[in-house]
């Protein structure tokens, strides 16, 4: 849930920034992000480099 809150505050946050903010490892963050994408909770809009994260609906989680 902390990852989703950070994405909500800063949709263009990078995975390395999430590592710093959460104290989790990069591999854990990548695994969490992949899981959230598969469950359609988040999606990437605008490409990998200059894109932003979009959260589907915080109320349904």
N, C-alpha and C. Protein backbone atom coordinates (compact mmCIF):
# COMPACT_ATOMS: atom_id res chain seq x y z
N UNK A 1 0.82 -1.20 0.00
CA UNK A 1 0.00 0.00 0.00
C UNK A 1 0.87 1.26 0.00
N UNK A 2 2.03 1.20 0.63
CA UNK A 2 2.93 2.36 0.66
C UNK A 2 3.36 2.73 -0.74
N UNK A 3 3.57 1.73 -1.58
CA UNK A 3 3.98 1.99 -2.97
C UNK A 3 2.88 2.73 -3.70
N UNK A 4 1.65 2.31 -3.52
CA UNK A 4 0.52 2.98 -4.18
C UNK A 4 0.37 4.42 -3.70
N UNK A 5 0.57 4.65 -2.43
CA UNK A 5 0.47 6.01 -1.91
C UNK A 5 1.56 6.91 -2.49
N UNK A 6 2.77 6.37 -2.63
CA UNK A 6 3.86 7.14 -3.22
C UNK A 6 3.59 7.43 -4.70
N UNK A 7 3.04 6.45 -5.41
CA UNK A 7 2.68 6.66 -6.82
C UNK A 7 1.58 7.70 -6.93
N UNK A 8 0.63 7.65 -6.01
CA UNK A 8 -0.47 8.61 -6.02
C UNK A 8 0.05 10.04 -5.81
N UNK A 9 1.03 10.20 -4.92
CA UNK A 9 1.61 11.52 -4.66
C UNK A 9 2.47 12.00 -5.83
N UNK A 10 3.18 11.06 -6.47
CA UNK A 10 4.10 11.42 -7.55
C UNK A 10 4.00 10.38 -8.67
N UNK A 11 3.08 10.58 -9.63
CA UNK A 11 2.86 9.60 -10.69
C UNK A 11 4.09 9.33 -11.57
N UNK A 12 5.05 10.21 -11.59
CA UNK A 12 6.23 10.00 -12.43
C UNK A 12 7.41 9.46 -11.62
N UNK A 13 7.14 8.91 -10.43
CA UNK A 13 8.20 8.38 -9.57
C UNK A 13 8.90 7.19 -10.23
N UNK A 14 10.19 7.11 -10.01
CA UNK A 14 10.99 6.03 -10.57
C UNK A 14 11.12 4.90 -9.55
N UNK A 15 11.41 3.71 -10.05
CA UNK A 15 11.54 2.56 -9.16
C UNK A 15 12.67 2.76 -8.14
N UNK A 16 13.75 3.37 -8.56
CA UNK A 16 14.86 3.62 -7.63
C UNK A 16 14.44 4.58 -6.52
N UNK A 17 13.57 5.52 -6.82
CA UNK A 17 13.05 6.42 -5.79
C UNK A 17 12.14 5.66 -4.82
N UNK A 18 11.38 4.70 -5.35
CA UNK A 18 10.53 3.88 -4.49
C UNK A 18 11.39 3.04 -3.53
N UNK A 19 12.53 2.57 -4.03
CA UNK A 19 13.46 1.82 -3.18
C UNK A 19 13.91 2.69 -2.02
N UNK A 20 14.30 3.91 -2.31
CA UNK A 20 14.77 4.84 -1.28
C UNK A 20 13.66 5.16 -0.27
N UNK A 21 12.48 5.42 -0.78
CA UNK A 21 11.36 5.82 0.09
C UNK A 21 10.84 4.68 0.97
N UNK A 22 10.82 3.46 0.43
CA UNK A 22 10.23 2.33 1.16
C UNK A 22 11.24 1.50 1.94
N UNK A 23 12.51 1.57 1.54
CA UNK A 23 13.52 0.74 2.18
C UNK A 23 13.54 -0.69 1.67
N UNK A 24 12.75 -0.97 0.65
CA UNK A 24 12.71 -2.30 0.03
C UNK A 24 13.80 -2.41 -1.01
N UNK A 25 14.11 -3.63 -1.42
CA UNK A 25 15.12 -3.83 -2.46
C UNK A 25 14.51 -3.54 -3.83
N UNK A 26 15.38 -3.29 -4.80
CA UNK A 26 14.92 -3.01 -6.16
C UNK A 26 14.14 -4.20 -6.72
N UNK A 27 14.60 -5.41 -6.46
CA UNK A 27 13.90 -6.60 -6.97
C UNK A 27 12.50 -6.72 -6.35
N UNK A 28 12.36 -6.35 -5.08
CA UNK A 28 11.05 -6.38 -4.43
C UNK A 28 10.12 -5.35 -5.05
N UNK A 29 10.63 -4.16 -5.28
CA UNK A 29 9.82 -3.10 -5.91
C UNK A 29 9.38 -3.52 -7.31
N UNK A 30 10.29 -4.09 -8.08
CA UNK A 30 9.95 -4.55 -9.43
C UNK A 30 8.86 -5.61 -9.38
N UNK A 31 8.97 -6.53 -8.42
CA UNK A 31 7.99 -7.60 -8.28
C UNK A 31 6.63 -7.02 -7.87
N UNK A 32 6.62 -6.06 -6.95
CA UNK A 32 5.38 -5.41 -6.53
C UNK A 32 4.71 -4.67 -7.68
N UNK A 33 5.52 -3.93 -8.44
CA UNK A 33 4.99 -3.15 -9.56
C UNK A 33 4.39 -4.09 -10.62
N UNK A 34 5.08 -5.18 -10.89
CA UNK A 34 4.60 -6.15 -11.87
C UNK A 34 3.28 -6.76 -11.41
N UNK A 35 3.20 -7.08 -10.14
CA UNK A 35 1.97 -7.65 -9.57
C UNK A 35 0.82 -6.66 -9.64
N UNK A 36 1.08 -5.41 -9.30
CA UNK A 36 0.04 -4.37 -9.37
C UNK A 36 -0.44 -4.15 -10.80
N UNK A 37 0.48 -4.25 -11.76
CA UNK A 37 0.09 -4.10 -13.16
C UNK A 37 -0.76 -5.28 -13.62
N UNK A 38 -0.39 -6.49 -13.24
CA UNK A 38 -1.16 -7.68 -13.64
C UNK A 38 -2.57 -7.66 -13.06
N UNK A 39 -2.70 -7.09 -11.88
CA UNK A 39 -4.02 -7.00 -11.23
C UNK A 39 -4.80 -5.77 -11.69
N UNK A 40 -4.24 -5.02 -12.63
CA UNK A 40 -4.86 -3.81 -13.18
C UNK A 40 -5.09 -2.72 -12.14
N UNK A 41 -4.23 -2.66 -11.11
CA UNK A 41 -4.32 -1.58 -10.14
C UNK A 41 -3.57 -0.34 -10.63
N UNK A 42 -2.49 -0.57 -11.39
CA UNK A 42 -1.73 0.53 -11.97
C UNK A 42 -1.40 0.21 -13.41
N UNK A 43 -1.11 1.26 -14.18
CA UNK A 43 -0.63 1.07 -15.54
C UNK A 43 0.29 2.23 -15.90
N UNK A 44 1.16 1.96 -16.84
CA UNK A 44 2.12 2.97 -17.28
C UNK A 44 1.54 3.68 -18.50
N UNK A 45 1.56 4.99 -18.47
CA UNK A 45 1.03 5.81 -19.56
C UNK A 45 2.15 6.69 -20.09
N UNK A 46 2.39 6.65 -21.38
CA UNK A 46 3.37 7.55 -21.98
C UNK A 46 4.77 7.00 -22.11
N UNK A 47 4.95 5.72 -21.98
CA UNK A 47 6.27 5.12 -22.20
C UNK A 47 7.09 4.96 -20.94
N UNK A 48 8.16 4.21 -21.08
CA UNK A 48 9.00 3.87 -19.93
C UNK A 48 9.80 5.06 -19.41
N UNK A 49 10.38 5.80 -20.28
CA UNK A 49 11.30 6.85 -19.85
C UNK A 49 10.61 8.12 -19.37
N UNK A 50 9.63 8.58 -20.12
CA UNK A 50 8.98 9.85 -19.77
C UNK A 50 7.53 9.68 -19.35
N UNK A 51 7.12 8.45 -19.14
CA UNK A 51 5.73 8.18 -18.79
C UNK A 51 5.43 8.40 -17.32
N UNK A 52 4.18 8.15 -16.99
CA UNK A 52 3.70 8.30 -15.62
C UNK A 52 2.89 7.07 -15.26
N UNK A 53 2.78 6.82 -13.97
CA UNK A 53 1.94 5.74 -13.47
C UNK A 53 0.54 6.27 -13.26
N UNK A 54 -0.42 5.46 -13.60
CA UNK A 54 -1.83 5.81 -13.41
C UNK A 54 -2.44 4.74 -12.53
N UNK A 55 -3.09 5.16 -11.46
CA UNK A 55 -3.74 4.22 -10.54
C UNK A 55 -5.19 4.05 -10.97
N UNK A 56 -5.62 2.80 -11.06
CA UNK A 56 -6.98 2.50 -11.50
C UNK A 56 -8.01 3.06 -10.53
N UNK A 57 -8.03 2.54 -9.29
CA UNK A 57 -9.00 3.01 -8.31
C UNK A 57 -8.53 2.60 -6.92
N UNK A 58 -8.14 3.55 -6.10
CA UNK A 58 -7.67 3.27 -4.75
C UNK A 58 -8.76 2.70 -3.85
N UNK A 59 -10.01 3.02 -4.14
CA UNK A 59 -11.11 2.58 -3.28
C UNK A 59 -11.41 1.09 -3.40
N UNK A 60 -11.06 0.48 -4.52
CA UNK A 60 -11.34 -0.94 -4.72
C UNK A 60 -10.22 -1.86 -4.27
N UNK A 61 -9.21 -1.34 -3.57
CA UNK A 61 -8.07 -2.16 -3.15
C UNK A 61 -8.16 -2.48 -1.69
